Amino acid sequence: MRSMHPFRDLAREQGIPQDEVERWLDAAARPCAMLGAGESSDGSVVGRLGGLPPMPEDEPVPDLPFLASVDLAAIPPGATDLPLPKDGTLLFFADTSHCPSWTRHDWWRLVHVPASRPVSERGPGGERPPQVYPARDLYLVIDPSLPNRYDYTEEFPHGEELGEVWWDISGDVQTGGSVQIGGYPWVWNNDPVTDYDHGPGDWVLLAEFGSAVVEGDMGRVDWVIRRDDLAAGRFTWARACYDMVG
């Protein structure tokens, strides 16, 4: 992961005690797999934006725009703190054109395709198929992740300021990418992990898709899931949330 020195420097300039900064980093920092479109020299391909989804041959294609595929076998151990399956492919579908609500499930779909299942690239049938976005390979960088919003606590009396420091400096610390696996969500209005009543359990961020995925869309799509459901491969229990700037 990249150095956290820019974060430490800005926190020091704002008068946050160094010992609290280090304790907060130790307690809060997580690794995340940042997937960005690049060139063949950037390393191994770990997924793809857009194109047609590689769907199992015996399963219908969701009638939704296809955002990306992620090859779980290509994400190395330690790239996240999530209990990801060792192989298989995740397929992400979402239609964000009508300000979707987290209480509805018809605007998104998450499909896990085991490595052993035959697939073929194809779109849904019908007279008005969803838009197909340009296909671009995704390459992985392991980045640090911190919450961009944090509250005052007895342990971290400057917690709110520390979150603001990350808001200001994250672009100098993270490589950035179209898709983030693991880590913390970027919160504009509501935290998709903590601000909704998903039900009991240890909910975690599985994936976040930024505005670069869908041209002209200023929002973010976040998929969250219970940690034990993720470990067991129960992806049908995942939930998606949508947040817009402003």
C-alpha atoms as a PDB file:
ATOM      1  CA  MET A   1       0.000   0.000   0.000  1.00  0.00           C
ATOM      2  CA  ARG A   2       1.011   3.610  -0.506  1.00  0.00           C
ATOM      3  CA  SER A   3       2.546   5.694   2.270  1.00  0.00           C
ATOM      4  CA  MET A   4       0.270   7.387   4.819  1.00  0.00           C
ATOM      5  CA  HIS A   5       2.721  10.250   5.323  1.00  0.00           C
ATOM      6  CA  PRO A   6       0.484  12.807   3.543  1.00  0.00           C
ATOM      7  CA  PHE A   7      -2.310  11.950   5.975  1.00  0.00           C
ATOM      8  CA  ARG A   8      -0.018  12.274   8.989  1.00  0.00           C
ATOM      9  CA  ASP A   9       1.391  15.576   7.719  1.00  0.00           C
ATOM     10  CA  LEU A  10      -2.033  17.168   7.193  1.00  0.00           C
ATOM     11  CA  ALA A  11      -3.320  15.911  10.548  1.00  0.00           C
ATOM     12  CA  ARG A  12      -0.276  17.440  12.252  1.00  0.00           C
ATOM     13  CA  GLU A  13      -0.822  20.758  10.448  1.00  0.00           C
ATOM     14  CA  GLN A  14      -4.371  20.810  11.807  1.00  0.00           C
ATOM     15  CA  GLY A  15      -3.178  20.319  15.364  1.00  0.00           C
ATOM     16  CA  ILE A  16      -4.364  16.743  15.928  1.00  0.00           C
ATOM     17  CA  PRO A  17      -2.111  15.022  18.493  1.00  0.00           C
ATOM     18  CA  GLN A  18       0.290  12.588  16.848  1.00  0.00           C
ATOM     19  CA  ASP A  19      -0.444   9.778  19.302  1.00  0.00           C
ATOM     20  CA  GLU A  20      -4.186  10.006  18.499  1.00  0.00           C
ATOM     21  CA  VAL A  21      -3.432   9.966  14.759  1.00  0.00           C
ATOM     22  CA  GLU A  22      -1.375   6.790  15.114  1.00  0.00           C
ATOM     23  CA  ARG A  23      -3.982   5.110  17.328  1.00  0.00           C
ATOM     24  CA  TRP A  24      -6.705   5.979  14.829  1.00  0.00           C
ATOM     25  CA  LEU A  25      -4.705   4.609  11.924  1.00  0.00           C
ATOM     26  CA  ASP A  26      -4.017   1.403  13.853  1.00  0.00           C
ATOM     27  CA  ALA A  27      -7.704   1.017  14.750  1.00  0.00           C
ATOM     28  CA  ALA A  28      -9.396   2.143  11.556  1.00  0.00           C
ATOM     29  CA  ALA A  29      -7.145   1.618   8.513  1.00  0.00           C
ATOM     30  CA  ARG A  30      -8.095  -1.272   6.238  1.00  0.00           C
ATOM     31  CA  PRO A  31      -6.689  -2.499   2.926  1.00  0.00           C
ATOM     32  CA  CYS A  32      -8.900  -2.479  -0.131  1.00  0.00           C
ATOM     33  CA  ALA A  33      -8.555  -3.777  -3.667  1.00  0.00           C
ATOM     34  CA  MET A  34      -8.839  -0.811  -6.017  1.00  0.00           C
ATOM     35  CA  LEU A  35      -9.660  -1.846  -9.571  1.00  0.00           C
ATOM     36  CA  GLY A  36      -9.012   0.657 -12.324  1.00  0.00           C
ATOM     37  CA  ALA A  37      -9.009   0.655 -16.097  1.00  0.00           C
ATOM     38  CA  GLY A  38      -5.471   0.822 -17.473  1.00  0.00           C
ATOM     39  CA  GLU A  39      -3.036  -0.639 -19.951  1.00  0.00           C
ATOM     40  CA  SER A  40      -1.665  -4.152 -20.354  1.00  0.00           C
ATOM     41  CA  SER A  41       1.585  -3.035 -18.687  1.00  0.00           C
ATOM     42  CA  ASP A  42      -0.283  -2.349 -15.436  1.00  0.00           C
ATOM     43  CA  GLY A  43      -0.310  -5.990 -14.386  1.00  0.00           C
ATOM     44  CA  SER A  44      -2.768  -8.871 -14.369  1.00  0.00           C
ATOM     45  CA  VAL A  45      -6.355  -8.365 -15.419  1.00  0.00           C
ATOM     46  CA  VAL A  46      -8.678  -8.902 -12.433  1.00  0.00           C
ATOM     47  CA  GLY A  47     -11.964  -7.978 -14.041  1.00  0.00           C
ATOM     48  CA  ARG A  48     -13.694  -5.972 -16.705  1.00  0.00           C
ATOM     49  CA  LEU A  49     -15.945  -2.956 -16.886  1.00  0.00           C
ATOM     50  CA  GLY A  50     -18.868  -3.107 -19.249  1.00  0.00           C
ATOM     51  CA  GLY A  51     -19.197  -5.319 -22.265  1.00  0.00           C
ATOM     52  CA  LEU A  52     -21.492  -8.338 -22.169  1.00  0.00           C
ATOM     53  CA  PRO A  53     -21.692 -10.386 -18.970  1.00  0.00           C
ATOM     54  CA  PRO A  54     -20.117 -13.870 -18.925  1.00  0.00           C
ATOM     55  CA  MET A  55     -23.295 -15.558 -17.662  1.00  0.00           C
ATOM     56  CA  PRO A  56     -23.794 -19.245 -16.890  1.00  0.00           C
ATOM     57  CA  GLU A  57     -25.222 -20.905 -19.961  1.00  0.00           C
ATOM     58  CA  ASP A  58     -28.283 -22.216 -18.093  1.00  0.00           C
ATOM     59  CA  GLU A  59     -29.187 -18.905 -16.417  1.00  0.00           C
ATOM     60  CA  PRO A  60     -31.063 -15.952 -17.945  1.00  0.00           C
ATOM     61  CA  VAL A  61     -29.255 -12.630 -18.210  1.00  0.00           C
ATOM     62  CA  PRO A  62     -30.700  -9.952 -15.897  1.00  0.00           C
ATOM     63  CA  ASP A  63     -32.564  -7.233 -17.781  1.00  0.00           C
ATOM     64  CA  LEU A  64     -30.305  -4.568 -16.275  1.00  0.00           C
ATOM     65  CA  PRO A  65     -27.180  -2.685 -17.373  1.00  0.00           C
ATOM     66  CA  PHE A  66     -24.072  -4.775 -16.744  1.00  0.00           C
ATOM     67  CA  LEU A  67     -21.456  -2.804 -14.790  1.00  0.00           C
ATOM     68  CA  ALA A  68     -18.500  -5.116 -14.259  1.00  0.00           C
ATOM     69  CA  SER A  69     -17.106  -8.575 -13.593  1.00  0.00           C
ATOM     70  CA  VAL A  70     -14.504  -9.324 -10.919  1.00  0.00           C
ATOM     71  CA  ASP A  71     -12.367 -12.472 -10.882  1.00  0.00           C
ATOM     72  CA  LEU A  72     -12.060 -13.417  -7.208  1.00  0.00           C
ATOM     73  CA  ALA A  73      -9.115 -15.750  -7.884  1.00  0.00           C
ATOM     74  CA  ALA A  74      -7.125 -12.729  -9.123  1.00  0.00           C
ATOM     75  CA  ILE A  75      -7.485 -10.824  -5.831  1.00  0.00           C
ATOM     76  CA  PRO A  76      -4.514 -11.875  -3.673  1.00  0.00           C
ATOM     77  CA  PRO A  77      -4.790 -12.672   0.043  1.00  0.00           C
ATOM     78  CA  GLY A  78      -4.343  -9.530   2.104  1.00  0.00           C
ATOM     79  CA  ALA A  79      -5.694  -7.205  -0.572  1.00  0.00           C
ATOM     80  CA  THR A  80      -8.762  -6.798   1.640  1.00  0.00           C
ATOM     81  CA  ASP A  81      -9.775  -7.910   5.116  1.00  0.00           C
ATOM     82  CA  LEU A  82     -12.851  -9.654   3.691  1.00  0.00           C
ATOM     83  CA  PRO A  83     -13.387 -13.433   3.701  1.00  0.00           C
ATOM     84  CA  LEU A  84     -13.716 -13.562  -0.088  1.00  0.00           C
ATOM     85  CA  PRO A  85     -14.166 -16.903  -1.840  1.00  0.00           C
ATOM     86  CA  LYS A  86     -10.936 -18.104  -3.417  1.00  0.00           C
ATOM     87  CA  ASP A  87     -12.359 -18.341  -6.912  1.00  0.00           C
ATOM     88  CA  GLY A  88     -15.377 -17.650  -9.058  1.00  0.00           C
ATOM     89  CA  THR A  89     -16.541 -14.457 -10.712  1.00  0.00           C
ATOM     90  CA  LEU A  90     -18.809 -11.712  -9.404  1.00  0.00           C
ATOM     91  CA  LEU A  91     -21.112 -10.027 -11.912  1.00  0.00           C
ATOM     92  CA  PHE A  92     -22.581  -6.653 -10.973  1.00  0.00           C
ATOM     93  CA  PHE A  93     -25.741  -5.273 -12.605  1.00  0.00           C
ATOM     94  CA  ALA A  94     -27.519  -2.027 -11.746  1.00  0.00           C
ATOM     95  CA  ASP A  95     -29.850   0.557 -13.264  1.00  0.00           C
ATOM     96  CA  THR A  96     -29.268   3.897 -11.528  1.00  0.00           C
ATOM     97  CA  SER A  97     -31.337   5.992 -13.920  1.00  0.00           C
ATOM     98  CA  HIS A  98     -34.309   6.477 -11.580  1.00  0.00           C
ATOM     99  CA  CYS A  99     -32.776   7.322  -8.150  1.00  0.00           C
ATOM    100  CA  PRO A 100     -33.110   3.767  -6.824  1.00  0.00           C
ATOM    101  CA  SER A 101     -34.072   3.033  -3.233  1.00  0.00           C
ATOM    102  CA  TRP A 102     -32.297   0.537  -1.007  1.00  0.00           C
ATOM    103  CA  THR A 103     -35.693  -0.928  -0.058  1.00  0.00           C
ATOM    104  CA  ARG A 104     -36.241  -2.098  -3.643  1.00  0.00           C
ATOM    105  CA  HIS A 105     -34.309  -4.969  -5.157  1.00  0.00           C
ATOM    106  CA  ASP A 106     -35.406  -4.717  -8.791  1.00  0.00           C
ATOM    107  CA  TRP A 107     -32.802  -2.146  -9.838  1.00  0.00           C
ATOM    108  CA  TRP A 108     -29.730  -4.269  -9.085  1.00  0.00           C
ATOM    109  CA  ARG A 109     -28.479  -7.833  -9.224  1.00  0.00           C
ATOM    110  CA  LEU A 110     -25.317  -9.557  -7.981  1.00  0.00           C
ATOM    111  CA  VAL A 111     -24.413 -12.920  -9.497  1.00  0.00           C
ATOM    112  CA  HIS A 112     -21.648 -15.224  -8.269  1.00  0.00           C
ATOM    113  CA  VAL A 113     -20.502 -17.649 -10.946  1.00  0.00           C
ATOM    114  CA  PRO A 114     -18.463 -20.613  -9.595  1.00  0.00           C
ATOM    115  CA  ALA A 115     -15.273 -21.279 -11.503  1.00  0.00           C
ATOM    116  CA  SER A 116     -16.545 -24.687 -12.630  1.00  0.00           C
ATOM    117  CA  ARG A 117     -19.663 -23.383 -14.413  1.00  0.00           C
ATOM    118  CA  PRO A 118     -19.535 -22.880 -18.209  1.00  0.00           C
ATOM    119  CA  VAL A 119     -20.359 -19.317 -19.272  1.00  0.00           C
ATOM    120  CA  SER A 120     -21.020 -17.387 -22.441  1.00  0.00           C
ATOM    121  CA  GLU A 121     -21.021 -13.655 -23.063  1.00  0.00           C
ATOM    122  CA  ARG A 122     -24.485 -12.512 -24.014  1.00  0.00           C
ATOM    123  CA  GLY A 123     -27.028  -9.814 -23.315  1.00  0.00           C
ATOM    124  CA  PRO A 124     -30.660 -10.122 -22.262  1.00  0.00           C
ATOM    125  CA  GLY A 125     -33.355 -10.669 -24.865  1.00  0.00           C
ATOM    126  CA  GLY A 126     -36.320  -8.423 -25.414  1.00  0.00           C
ATOM    127  CA  GLU A 127     -37.175  -5.518 -27.657  1.00  0.00           C
ATOM    128  CA  ARG A 128     -35.548  -2.842 -25.465  1.00  0.00           C
ATOM    129  CA  PRO A 129     -32.339  -4.323 -24.019  1.00  0.00           C
ATOM    130  CA  PRO A 130     -30.358  -2.238 -21.504  1.00  0.00           C
ATOM    131  CA  GLN A 131     -27.407  -0.123 -22.564  1.00  0.00           C
ATOM    132  CA  VAL A 132     -24.095  -1.933 -23.044  1.00  0.00           C
ATOM    133  CA  TYR A 133     -21.171   0.084 -21.696  1.00  0.00           C
ATOM    134  CA  PRO A 134     -17.759   0.020 -23.417  1.00  0.00           C
ATOM    135  CA  ALA A 135     -15.606  -2.915 -22.291  1.00  0.00           C
ATOM    136  CA  ARG A 136     -12.407  -2.052 -20.408  1.00  0.00           C
ATOM    137  CA  ASP A 137     -10.046  -4.334 -18.515  1.00  0.00           C
ATOM    138  CA  LEU A 138      -9.554  -3.746 -14.799  1.00  0.00           C
ATOM    139  CA  TYR A 139      -6.196  -3.896 -13.014  1.00  0.00           C
ATOM    140  CA  LEU A 140      -5.625  -4.150  -9.273  1.00  0.00           C
ATOM    141  CA  VAL A 141      -3.799  -1.895  -6.824  1.00  0.00           C
ATOM    142  CA  ILE A 142      -3.913  -2.448  -3.063  1.00  0.00           C
ATOM    143  CA  ASP A 143      -4.786   0.849  -1.383  1.00  0.00           C
ATOM    144  CA  PRO A 144      -5.385   1.941   2.212  1.00  0.00           C
ATOM    145  CA  SER A 145      -8.954   2.800   3.168  1.00  0.00           C
ATOM    146  CA  LEU A 146     -10.239   4.982   6.006  1.00  0.00           C
ATOM    147  CA  PRO A 147     -13.673   6.421   6.822  1.00  0.00           C
ATOM    148  CA  ASN A 148     -14.186   9.871   5.345  1.00  0.00           C
ATOM    149  CA  ARG A 149     -16.750  10.542   8.067  1.00  0.00           C
ATOM    150  CA  TYR A 150     -16.099   9.749  11.703  1.00  0.00           C
ATOM    151  CA  ASP A 151     -17.665  10.846  14.973  1.00  0.00           C
ATOM    152  CA  TYR A 152     -16.203  12.156  18.180  1.00  0.00           C
ATOM    153  CA  THR A 153     -15.616   9.365  20.704  1.00  0.00           C
ATOM    154  CA  GLU A 154     -13.957   9.242  24.087  1.00  0.00           C
ATOM    155  CA  GLU A 155     -11.105   7.250  22.567  1.00  0.00           C
ATOM    156  CA  PHE A 156     -10.790   9.605  19.578  1.00  0.00           C
ATOM    157  CA  PRO A 157     -11.803  13.128  20.619  1.00  0.00           C
ATOM    158  CA  HIS A 158     -10.617  14.390  17.209  1.00  0.00           C
ATOM    159  CA  GLY A 159     -12.444  11.651  15.317  1.00  0.00           C
ATOM    160  CA  GLU A 160     -14.531  14.047  13.235  1.00  0.00           C
ATOM    161  CA  GLU A 161     -11.424  16.015  12.248  1.00  0.00           C
ATOM    162  CA  LEU A 162      -9.583  12.798  11.344  1.00  0.00           C
ATOM    163  CA  GLY A 163     -12.400  11.846   8.975  1.00  0.00           C
ATOM    164  CA  GLU A 164     -12.196  15.304   7.409  1.00  0.00           C
ATOM    165  CA  VAL A 165      -8.442  14.902   6.929  1.00  0.00           C
ATOM    166  CA  TRP A 166      -9.060  11.692   4.987  1.00  0.00           C
ATOM    167  CA  TRP A 167     -11.744  13.465   2.943  1.00  0.00           C
ATOM    168  CA  ASP A 168      -9.180  16.116   1.980  1.00  0.00           C
ATOM    169  CA  ILE A 169      -6.089  13.961   1.467  1.00  0.00           C
ATOM    170  CA  SER A 170      -7.327  10.558   0.224  1.00  0.00           C
ATOM    171  CA  GLY A 171      -6.663  11.485  -3.396  1.00  0.00           C
ATOM    172  CA  ASP A 172      -2.959  11.884  -2.544  1.00  0.00           C
ATOM    173  CA  VAL A 173      -2.813   8.508  -0.771  1.00  0.00           C
ATOM    174  CA  GLN A 174      -5.047   6.248  -2.824  1.00  0.00           C
ATOM    175  CA  THR A 175      -4.387   5.247  -6.423  1.00  0.00           C
ATOM    176  CA  GLY A 176      -8.102   5.330  -7.117  1.00  0.00           C
ATOM    177  CA  GLY A 177     -10.167   3.233  -9.473  1.00  0.00           C
ATOM    178  CA  SER A 178     -13.608   2.578 -10.874  1.00  0.00           C
ATOM    179  CA  VAL A 179     -14.338  -0.307  -8.502  1.00  0.00           C
ATOM    180  CA  GLN A 180     -13.327  -0.760  -4.868  1.00  0.00           C
ATOM    181  CA  ILE A 181     -13.495  -4.158  -3.171  1.00  0.00           C
ATOM    182  CA  GLY A 182     -13.516  -4.024   0.634  1.00  0.00           C
ATOM    183  CA  GLY A 183     -12.491  -1.121   2.837  1.00  0.00           C
ATOM    184  CA  TYR A 184     -14.838   1.736   3.715  1.00  0.00           C
ATOM    185  CA  PRO A 185     -17.461   3.313   1.484  1.00  0.00           C
ATOM    186  CA  TRP A 186     -17.107   6.926   0.435  1.00  0.00           C
ATOM    187  CA  VAL A 187     -20.020   8.596   2.235  1.00  0.00           C
ATOM    188  CA  TRP A 188     -21.732  11.693   0.855  1.00  0.00           C
ATOM    189  CA  ASN A 189     -25.102  11.373   2.599  1.00  0.00           C
ATOM    190  CA  ASN A 190     -25.761   7.927   4.081  1.00  0.00           C
ATOM    191  CA  ASP A 191     -23.304   5.219   5.032  1.00  0.00           C
ATOM    192  CA  PRO A 192     -24.489   2.070   3.204  1.00  0.00           C
ATOM    193  CA  VAL A 193     -23.063  -0.165   5.924  1.00  0.00           C
ATOM    194  CA  THR A 194     -24.339   1.555   9.079  1.00  0.00           C
ATOM    195  CA  ASP A 195     -27.148   3.973   8.171  1.00  0.00           C
ATOM    196  CA  TYR A 196     -29.720   1.462   6.947  1.00  0.00           C
ATOM    197  CA  ASP A 197     -31.658  -1.235   8.747  1.00  0.00           C
ATOM    198  CA  HIS A 198     -30.265  -4.211   6.874  1.00  0.00           C
ATOM    199  CA  GLY A 199     -30.901  -6.451   9.849  1.00  0.00           C
ATOM    200  CA  PRO A 200     -28.602  -7.924  12.513  1.00  0.00           C
ATOM    201  CA  GLY A 201     -25.079  -9.056  11.709  1.00  0.00           C
ATOM    202  CA  ASP A 202     -21.612  -7.805  10.887  1.00  0.00           C
ATOM    203  CA  TRP A 203     -22.302  -5.950   7.633  1.00  0.00           C
ATOM    204  CA  VAL A 204     -19.309  -4.980   5.501  1.00  0.00           C
ATOM    205  CA  LEU A 205     -18.692  -3.205   2.229  1.00  0.00           C
ATOM    206  CA  LEU A 206     -18.243  -5.750  -0.551  1.00  0.00           C
ATOM    207  CA  ALA A 207     -17.901  -3.375  -3.502  1.00  0.00           C
ATOM    208  CA  GLU A 208     -18.272   0.265  -4.413  1.00  0.00           C
ATOM    209  CA  PHE A 209     -18.733   1.566  -7.940  1.00  0.00           C
ATOM    210  CA  GLY A 210     -17.893   5.212  -8.538  1.00  0.00           C
ATOM    211  CA  SER A 211     -19.292   7.643 -11.059  1.00  0.00           C
ATOM    212  CA  ALA A 212     -16.626   6.699 -13.630  1.00  0.00           C
ATOM    213  CA  VAL A 213     -18.471   3.440 -14.349  1.00  0.00           C
ATOM    214  CA  VAL A 214     -21.624   5.038 -15.767  1.00  0.00           C
ATOM    215  CA  GLU A 215     -20.911   8.156 -17.797  1.00  0.00           C
ATOM    216  CA  GLY A 216     -22.863  11.169 -16.555  1.00  0.00           C
ATOM    217  CA  ASP A 217     -23.982   9.451 -13.323  1.00  0.00           C
ATOM    218  CA  MET A 218     -22.718  11.370 -10.290  1.00  0.00           C
ATOM    219  CA  GLY A 219     -23.708   8.681  -7.814  1.00  0.00           C
ATOM    220  CA  ARG A 220     -22.124   5.635  -6.240  1.00  0.00           C
ATOM    221  CA  VAL A 221     -23.458   2.094  -5.957  1.00  0.00           C
ATOM    222  CA  ASP A 222     -22.416   0.143  -2.874  1.00  0.00           C
ATOM    223  CA  TRP A 223     -22.955  -3.565  -2.295  1.00  0.00           C
ATOM    224  CA  VAL A 224     -22.971  -4.629   1.361  1.00  0.00           C
ATOM    225  CA  ILE A 225     -23.179  -8.103   2.863  1.00  0.00           C
ATOM    226  CA  ARG A 226     -22.868  -9.820   6.227  1.00  0.00           C
ATOM    227  CA  ARG A 227     -19.360 -11.083   6.821  1.00  0.00           C
ATOM    228  CA  ASP A 228     -20.529 -14.637   7.552  1.00  0.00           C
ATOM    229  CA  ASP A 229     -22.724 -14.699   4.418  1.00  0.00           C
ATOM    230  CA  LEU A 230     -19.727 -13.596   2.364  1.00  0.00           C
ATOM    231  CA  ALA A 231     -17.532 -16.309   3.880  1.00  0.00           C
ATOM    232  CA  ALA A 232     -20.185 -18.899   3.042  1.00  0.00           C
ATOM    233  CA  GLY A 233     -20.715 -17.588  -0.491  1.00  0.00           C
ATOM    234  CA  ARG A 234     -24.328 -16.579   0.173  1.00  0.00           C
ATOM    235  CA  PHE A 235     -24.310 -13.656  -2.253  1.00  0.00           C
ATOM    236  CA  THR A 236     -28.092 -13.639  -2.611  1.00  0.00           C
ATOM    237  CA  TRP A 237     -28.139 -12.036   0.857  1.00  0.00           C
ATOM    238  CA  ALA A 238     -26.190  -8.979  -0.330  1.00  0.00           C
ATOM    239  CA  ARG A 239     -27.862  -5.581  -0.544  1.00  0.00           C
ATOM    240  CA  ALA A 240     -27.189  -2.587  -2.786  1.00  0.00           C
ATOM    241  CA  CYS A 241     -27.450   1.121  -1.931  1.00  0.00           C
ATOM    242  CA  TYR A 242     -27.184   4.229  -4.063  1.00  0.00           C
ATOM    243  CA  ASP A 243     -25.891   7.626  -2.976  1.00  0.00           C
ATOM    244  CA  MET A 244     -25.482  10.880  -4.887  1.00  0.00           C
ATOM    245  CA  VAL A 245     -23.318  13.901  -4.296  1.00  0.00           C
ATOM    246  CA  GLY A 246     -25.196  16.777  -2.714  1.00  0.00           C
END
